[in-house]
Amino acid sequence: MNRVIHFELSVEDPERALKFYSDVFDWKSSKWEGPMDYWLVSTGPQDRNGIDGAFMLRSETDDRLKKCARITIGVSSVDESLEKIKNSGGKILMPKTAVPGIGYSAAFEDSEGNIIALMQDDTSAK
């Protein structure tokens, strides 16, 4: 079964966002060491129900991502999922893209206009 595995909150000021979510929910955050500005967010102990997420800087190119919360669905194959999305009336917004050392990601718009990401684990991704 494909499940929600991650969330992203678009932020203008990561430090301010971290302070807010830390003060309100006791979340922790650390800057990702990857090729883009991205802050990983821990929402609590791993032995509890729930998922972790990230803060991403507001997109300057897509108004739909400027103020949003986006979920990521874990899939066994991004390619197969993108094909099903196209055949079911969805729109591919970002094709399969390697996230080095983590896996493959893609993004789509569903039949209702929601923007959702996909992630396929593959530590050999380059």
N, C-alpha and C. Protein backbone atom coordinates (compact mmCIF):
# COMPACT_ATOMS: atom_id res chain seq x y z
N MET A 1 0.84 -1.18 0.00
CA MET A 1 0.00 0.00 0.00
C MET A 1 0.88 1.24 0.00
N ASN A 2 0.53 2.21 -0.80
CA ASN A 2 1.26 3.47 -0.88
C ASN A 2 0.74 4.40 0.21
N ARG A 3 1.64 4.90 1.06
CA ARG A 3 1.24 5.71 2.21
C ARG A 3 1.90 7.07 2.20
N VAL A 4 1.29 8.02 2.90
CA VAL A 4 1.91 9.32 3.10
C VAL A 4 3.11 9.10 4.01
N ILE A 5 4.29 9.56 3.55
CA ILE A 5 5.52 9.32 4.31
C ILE A 5 6.23 10.60 4.74
N HIS A 6 5.77 11.76 4.25
CA HIS A 6 6.52 12.99 4.48
C HIS A 6 5.60 14.16 4.18
N PHE A 7 5.87 15.31 4.77
CA PHE A 7 5.16 16.53 4.42
C PHE A 7 6.16 17.66 4.26
N GLU A 8 5.76 18.68 3.51
CA GLU A 8 6.57 19.89 3.34
C GLU A 8 5.69 21.10 3.60
N LEU A 9 6.21 22.04 4.34
CA LEU A 9 5.55 23.33 4.56
C LEU A 9 6.38 24.40 3.88
N SER A 10 5.76 25.21 3.04
CA SER A 10 6.51 26.29 2.40
C SER A 10 6.64 27.43 3.41
N VAL A 11 7.84 27.98 3.50
CA VAL A 11 8.10 29.03 4.48
C VAL A 11 8.88 30.17 3.83
N GLU A 12 8.66 31.34 4.34
CA GLU A 12 9.41 32.51 3.90
C GLU A 12 10.69 32.66 4.70
N ASP A 13 10.60 32.36 6.01
CA ASP A 13 11.72 32.52 6.93
C ASP A 13 11.85 31.25 7.76
N PRO A 14 12.78 30.35 7.39
CA PRO A 14 12.92 29.08 8.10
C PRO A 14 13.17 29.22 9.60
N GLU A 15 13.96 30.20 10.00
CA GLU A 15 14.23 30.40 11.43
C GLU A 15 12.94 30.75 12.18
N ARG A 16 12.15 31.64 11.60
CA ARG A 16 10.89 32.04 12.22
C ARG A 16 9.93 30.85 12.28
N ALA A 17 9.86 30.08 11.20
CA ALA A 17 8.98 28.91 11.17
C ALA A 17 9.41 27.89 12.21
N LEU A 18 10.71 27.64 12.30
CA LEU A 18 11.20 26.68 13.29
C LEU A 18 10.83 27.13 14.70
N LYS A 19 11.02 28.42 14.99
CA LYS A 19 10.67 28.93 16.32
C LYS A 19 9.19 28.72 16.60
N PHE A 20 8.33 29.03 15.62
CA PHE A 20 6.89 28.86 15.80
C PHE A 20 6.55 27.40 16.10
N TYR A 21 6.99 26.48 15.24
CA TYR A 21 6.62 25.07 15.41
C TYR A 21 7.31 24.43 16.62
N SER A 22 8.47 24.92 16.97
CA SER A 22 9.14 24.45 18.18
C SER A 22 8.37 24.92 19.41
N ASP A 23 8.00 26.20 19.44
CA ASP A 23 7.26 26.76 20.59
C ASP A 23 5.88 26.11 20.75
N VAL A 24 5.20 25.89 19.63
CA VAL A 24 3.83 25.39 19.69
C VAL A 24 3.77 23.87 19.84
N PHE A 25 4.59 23.14 19.07
CA PHE A 25 4.48 21.68 19.02
C PHE A 25 5.73 20.94 19.48
N ASP A 26 6.78 21.66 19.84
CA ASP A 26 8.05 21.08 20.27
C ASP A 26 8.74 20.30 19.15
N TRP A 27 8.54 20.73 17.89
CA TRP A 27 9.21 20.10 16.76
C TRP A 27 10.67 20.54 16.73
N LYS A 28 11.52 19.70 16.17
CA LYS A 28 12.95 19.99 16.01
C LYS A 28 13.26 20.05 14.51
N SER A 29 14.29 20.81 14.15
CA SER A 29 14.64 20.94 12.75
C SER A 29 16.14 21.06 12.58
N SER A 30 16.62 20.58 11.42
CA SER A 30 18.03 20.73 11.08
C SER A 30 18.13 20.95 9.57
N LYS A 31 19.10 21.76 9.15
CA LYS A 31 19.29 22.04 7.73
C LYS A 31 19.81 20.79 7.03
N TRP A 32 19.18 20.46 5.92
CA TRP A 32 19.61 19.33 5.11
C TRP A 32 20.92 19.68 4.43
N GLU A 33 21.81 18.72 4.29
CA GLU A 33 23.11 18.97 3.66
C GLU A 33 23.10 18.67 2.17
N GLY A 34 21.94 18.66 1.57
CA GLY A 34 21.81 18.39 0.15
C GLY A 34 21.99 19.63 -0.70
N PRO A 35 21.67 19.52 -1.99
CA PRO A 35 21.97 20.59 -2.95
C PRO A 35 20.98 21.77 -2.94
N MET A 36 20.01 21.78 -2.03
CA MET A 36 19.06 22.89 -2.00
C MET A 36 18.79 23.31 -0.55
N ASP A 37 18.27 24.51 -0.37
CA ASP A 37 17.90 24.98 0.96
C ASP A 37 16.66 24.23 1.41
N TYR A 38 16.81 23.42 2.46
CA TYR A 38 15.75 22.51 2.89
C TYR A 38 16.03 22.17 4.34
N TRP A 39 15.01 22.22 5.19
CA TRP A 39 15.20 21.96 6.61
C TRP A 39 14.34 20.77 7.00
N LEU A 40 14.97 19.69 7.46
CA LEU A 40 14.26 18.50 7.90
C LEU A 40 13.61 18.77 9.24
N VAL A 41 12.39 18.28 9.43
CA VAL A 41 11.62 18.53 10.64
C VAL A 41 11.28 17.20 11.31
N SER A 42 11.59 17.09 12.59
CA SER A 42 11.21 15.93 13.39
C SER A 42 10.02 16.32 14.25
N THR A 43 8.92 15.58 14.10
CA THR A 43 7.69 15.92 14.82
C THR A 43 7.54 15.14 16.13
N GLY A 44 8.50 14.27 16.43
CA GLY A 44 8.43 13.51 17.68
C GLY A 44 9.20 12.22 17.58
N PRO A 45 9.16 11.43 18.64
CA PRO A 45 9.90 10.16 18.66
C PRO A 45 9.43 9.21 17.57
N GLN A 46 10.36 8.43 17.04
CA GLN A 46 10.05 7.50 15.95
C GLN A 46 9.13 6.37 16.39
N ASP A 47 9.02 6.12 17.69
CA ASP A 47 8.16 5.03 18.16
C ASP A 47 6.69 5.45 18.30
N ARG A 48 6.37 6.68 17.92
CA ARG A 48 4.99 7.17 17.97
C ARG A 48 4.42 7.24 16.56
N ASN A 49 3.11 7.20 16.45
CA ASN A 49 2.45 7.36 15.15
C ASN A 49 2.74 8.75 14.61
N GLY A 50 2.76 8.88 13.32
CA GLY A 50 2.97 10.16 12.69
C GLY A 50 4.12 10.12 11.71
N ILE A 51 4.34 11.25 11.03
CA ILE A 51 5.42 11.34 10.05
C ILE A 51 6.23 12.60 10.33
N ASP A 52 7.42 12.62 9.81
CA ASP A 52 8.26 13.80 9.86
C ASP A 52 8.13 14.55 8.54
N GLY A 53 8.74 15.72 8.47
CA GLY A 53 8.60 16.51 7.26
C GLY A 53 9.75 17.45 7.04
N ALA A 54 9.45 18.59 6.43
CA ALA A 54 10.50 19.56 6.10
C ALA A 54 9.89 20.93 5.87
N PHE A 55 10.75 21.94 5.98
CA PHE A 55 10.43 23.30 5.56
C PHE A 55 11.14 23.51 4.24
N MET A 56 10.44 24.07 3.26
CA MET A 56 11.06 24.44 1.99
C MET A 56 10.82 25.92 1.76
N LEU A 57 11.76 26.58 1.12
CA LEU A 57 11.57 28.00 0.82
C LEU A 57 10.45 28.17 -0.19
N ARG A 58 9.71 29.24 -0.05
CA ARG A 58 8.60 29.50 -0.96
C ARG A 58 9.09 29.56 -2.40
N SER A 59 8.38 28.92 -3.26
CA SER A 59 8.72 28.88 -4.67
C SER A 59 8.53 30.24 -5.31
N GLU A 60 9.49 30.63 -6.10
CA GLU A 60 9.37 31.88 -6.85
C GLU A 60 8.79 31.63 -8.24
N THR A 61 8.66 30.37 -8.62
CA THR A 61 8.24 30.07 -9.99
C THR A 61 6.82 29.53 -10.09
N ASP A 62 6.25 29.04 -9.02
CA ASP A 62 4.92 28.44 -9.09
C ASP A 62 4.07 28.98 -7.96
N ASP A 63 3.12 29.84 -8.27
CA ASP A 63 2.27 30.46 -7.25
C ASP A 63 1.54 29.44 -6.39
N ARG A 64 1.27 28.27 -6.95
CA ARG A 64 0.54 27.26 -6.20
C ARG A 64 1.34 26.74 -5.01
N LEU A 65 2.67 26.86 -5.05
CA LEU A 65 3.50 26.35 -3.97
C LEU A 65 3.91 27.42 -2.97
N LYS A 66 3.48 28.65 -3.18
CA LYS A 66 3.93 29.73 -2.30
C LYS A 66 3.41 29.61 -0.88
N LYS A 67 2.19 29.16 -0.70
CA LYS A 67 1.63 28.97 0.64
C LYS A 67 0.88 27.64 0.63
N CYS A 68 1.58 26.60 0.98
CA CYS A 68 0.93 25.30 0.93
C CYS A 68 1.59 24.33 1.89
N ALA A 69 0.88 23.29 2.16
CA ALA A 69 1.45 22.11 2.80
C ALA A 69 1.34 21.02 1.75
N ARG A 70 2.44 20.36 1.48
CA ARG A 70 2.44 19.33 0.46
C ARG A 70 2.80 17.99 1.09
N ILE A 71 2.08 16.95 0.70
CA ILE A 71 2.41 15.62 1.21
C ILE A 71 3.22 14.87 0.17
N THR A 72 3.97 13.87 0.66
CA THR A 72 4.72 12.97 -0.21
C THR A 72 4.22 11.56 0.04
N ILE A 73 3.94 10.86 -1.04
CA ILE A 73 3.48 9.47 -0.96
C ILE A 73 4.64 8.57 -1.36
N GLY A 74 4.94 7.60 -0.52
CA GLY A 74 5.97 6.62 -0.83
C GLY A 74 5.43 5.58 -1.80
N VAL A 75 6.18 5.33 -2.88
CA VAL A 75 5.76 4.37 -3.90
C VAL A 75 6.91 3.43 -4.22
N SER A 76 6.58 2.26 -4.73
CA SER A 76 7.62 1.31 -5.11
C SER A 76 8.23 1.66 -6.46
N SER A 77 7.47 2.37 -7.31
CA SER A 77 7.97 2.76 -8.63
C SER A 77 7.38 4.11 -9.02
N VAL A 78 8.23 5.13 -9.12
CA VAL A 78 7.77 6.44 -9.59
C VAL A 78 7.26 6.33 -11.02
N ASP A 79 7.97 5.58 -11.86
CA ASP A 79 7.56 5.45 -13.27
C ASP A 79 6.15 4.88 -13.39
N GLU A 80 5.87 3.79 -12.69
CA GLU A 80 4.53 3.18 -12.74
C GLU A 80 3.47 4.12 -12.20
N SER A 81 3.79 4.81 -11.11
CA SER A 81 2.82 5.74 -10.51
C SER A 81 2.52 6.89 -11.46
N LEU A 82 3.54 7.44 -12.12
CA LEU A 82 3.31 8.55 -13.06
C LEU A 82 2.43 8.10 -14.22
N GLU A 83 2.62 6.89 -14.68
CA GLU A 83 1.80 6.38 -15.77
C GLU A 83 0.33 6.27 -15.31
N LYS A 84 0.11 5.76 -14.11
CA LYS A 84 -1.26 5.65 -13.58
C LYS A 84 -1.87 7.04 -13.38
N ILE A 85 -1.07 7.99 -12.91
CA ILE A 85 -1.56 9.36 -12.70
C ILE A 85 -2.03 9.95 -14.03
N LYS A 86 -1.20 9.82 -15.09
CA LYS A 86 -1.58 10.34 -16.41
C LYS A 86 -2.85 9.68 -16.91
N ASN A 87 -2.95 8.35 -16.75
CA ASN A 87 -4.11 7.61 -17.24
C ASN A 87 -5.37 7.89 -16.44
N SER A 88 -5.22 8.45 -15.25
CA SER A 88 -6.38 8.72 -14.40
C SER A 88 -6.76 10.20 -14.37
N GLY A 89 -6.17 11.00 -15.24
CA GLY A 89 -6.54 12.40 -15.35
C GLY A 89 -5.69 13.36 -14.55
N GLY A 90 -4.60 12.88 -13.96
CA GLY A 90 -3.69 13.76 -13.25
C GLY A 90 -2.73 14.45 -14.20
N LYS A 91 -2.01 15.43 -13.69
CA LYS A 91 -1.07 16.19 -14.51
C LYS A 91 0.32 16.09 -13.87
N ILE A 92 1.32 15.69 -14.64
CA ILE A 92 2.68 15.60 -14.14
C ILE A 92 3.27 17.01 -14.10
N LEU A 93 3.73 17.43 -12.92
CA LEU A 93 4.32 18.75 -12.75
C LEU A 93 5.84 18.70 -12.71
N MET A 94 6.39 17.63 -12.17
CA MET A 94 7.84 17.44 -12.13
C MET A 94 8.11 15.98 -12.48
N PRO A 95 8.86 15.73 -13.53
CA PRO A 95 9.13 14.34 -13.92
C PRO A 95 10.03 13.66 -12.89
N LYS A 96 10.21 12.38 -13.05
CA LYS A 96 11.08 11.61 -12.17
C LYS A 96 12.45 12.29 -12.09
N THR A 97 12.87 12.58 -10.87
CA THR A 97 14.11 13.30 -10.62
C THR A 97 14.90 12.58 -9.54
N ALA A 98 16.18 12.39 -9.76
CA ALA A 98 17.02 11.74 -8.75
C ALA A 98 17.30 12.68 -7.59
N VAL A 99 17.19 12.16 -6.38
CA VAL A 99 17.62 12.84 -5.16
C VAL A 99 18.81 12.01 -4.70
N PRO A 100 20.04 12.47 -4.98
CA PRO A 100 21.23 11.66 -4.76
C PRO A 100 21.30 11.01 -3.38
N GLY A 101 21.51 9.70 -3.40
CA GLY A 101 21.65 8.93 -2.17
C GLY A 101 20.35 8.63 -1.45
N ILE A 102 19.23 9.13 -1.96
CA ILE A 102 17.94 8.93 -1.28
C ILE A 102 16.96 8.15 -2.16
N GLY A 103 16.77 8.61 -3.39
CA GLY A 103 15.82 7.93 -4.26
C GLY A 103 15.39 8.80 -5.41
N TYR A 104 14.15 8.58 -5.86
CA TYR A 104 13.61 9.32 -7.00
C TYR A 104 12.31 10.00 -6.59
N SER A 105 12.17 11.23 -7.01
CA SER A 105 11.00 12.03 -6.66
C SER A 105 10.31 12.50 -7.94
N ALA A 106 9.05 12.84 -7.80
CA ALA A 106 8.26 13.43 -8.88
C ALA A 106 7.13 14.20 -8.21
N ALA A 107 6.44 15.04 -8.96
CA ALA A 107 5.30 15.77 -8.42
C ALA A 107 4.19 15.79 -9.46
N PHE A 108 2.96 15.81 -8.96
CA PHE A 108 1.81 15.80 -9.85
C PHE A 108 0.68 16.62 -9.24
N GLU A 109 -0.27 16.94 -10.10
CA GLU A 109 -1.52 17.58 -9.67
C GLU A 109 -2.61 16.53 -9.83
N ASP A 110 -3.37 16.32 -8.76
CA ASP A 110 -4.43 15.32 -8.84
C ASP A 110 -5.67 15.88 -9.54
N SER A 111 -6.72 15.10 -9.59
CA SER A 111 -7.95 15.50 -10.29
C SER A 111 -8.63 16.71 -9.66
N GLU A 112 -8.24 17.05 -8.42
CA GLU A 112 -8.87 18.17 -7.71
C GLU A 112 -7.97 19.38 -7.61
N GLY A 113 -6.78 19.33 -8.24
CA GLY A 113 -5.87 20.47 -8.23
C GLY A 113 -4.86 20.47 -7.10
N ASN A 114 -4.84 19.40 -6.28
CA ASN A 114 -3.85 19.30 -5.21
C ASN A 114 -2.50 18.90 -5.77
N ILE A 115 -1.44 19.50 -5.25
CA ILE A 115 -0.09 19.17 -5.67
C ILE A 115 0.50 18.20 -4.67
N ILE A 116 0.95 17.06 -5.15
CA ILE A 116 1.44 15.98 -4.30
C ILE A 116 2.76 15.47 -4.87
N ALA A 117 3.67 15.08 -4.00
CA ALA A 117 4.96 14.53 -4.42
C ALA A 117 4.96 13.01 -4.26
N LEU A 118 5.83 12.37 -5.00
CA LEU A 118 6.07 10.93 -4.90
C LEU A 118 7.53 10.72 -4.50
N MET A 119 7.80 9.63 -3.79
CA MET A 119 9.19 9.28 -3.45
C MET A 119 9.35 7.77 -3.54
N GLN A 120 10.36 7.38 -4.31
CA GLN A 120 10.76 5.98 -4.42
C GLN A 120 12.12 5.85 -3.79
N ASP A 121 12.24 5.04 -2.74
CA ASP A 121 13.53 4.85 -2.08
C ASP A 121 14.51 4.13 -3.01
N ASP A 122 15.72 4.66 -3.11
CA ASP A 122 16.80 4.01 -3.86
C ASP A 122 18.10 4.75 -3.54
N THR A 123 18.87 4.21 -2.60
CA THR A 123 20.09 4.88 -2.15
C THR A 123 21.14 4.97 -3.25
N SER A 124 20.97 4.26 -4.37
CA SER A 124 21.94 4.34 -5.47
C SER A 124 21.60 5.48 -6.45
N ALA A 125 20.53 6.21 -6.19
CA ALA A 125 20.13 7.30 -7.08
C ALA A 125 21.23 8.35 -7.17
N LYS A 126 21.47 8.85 -8.41
CA LYS A 126 22.51 9.85 -8.63
C LYS A 126 21.97 11.00 -9.44
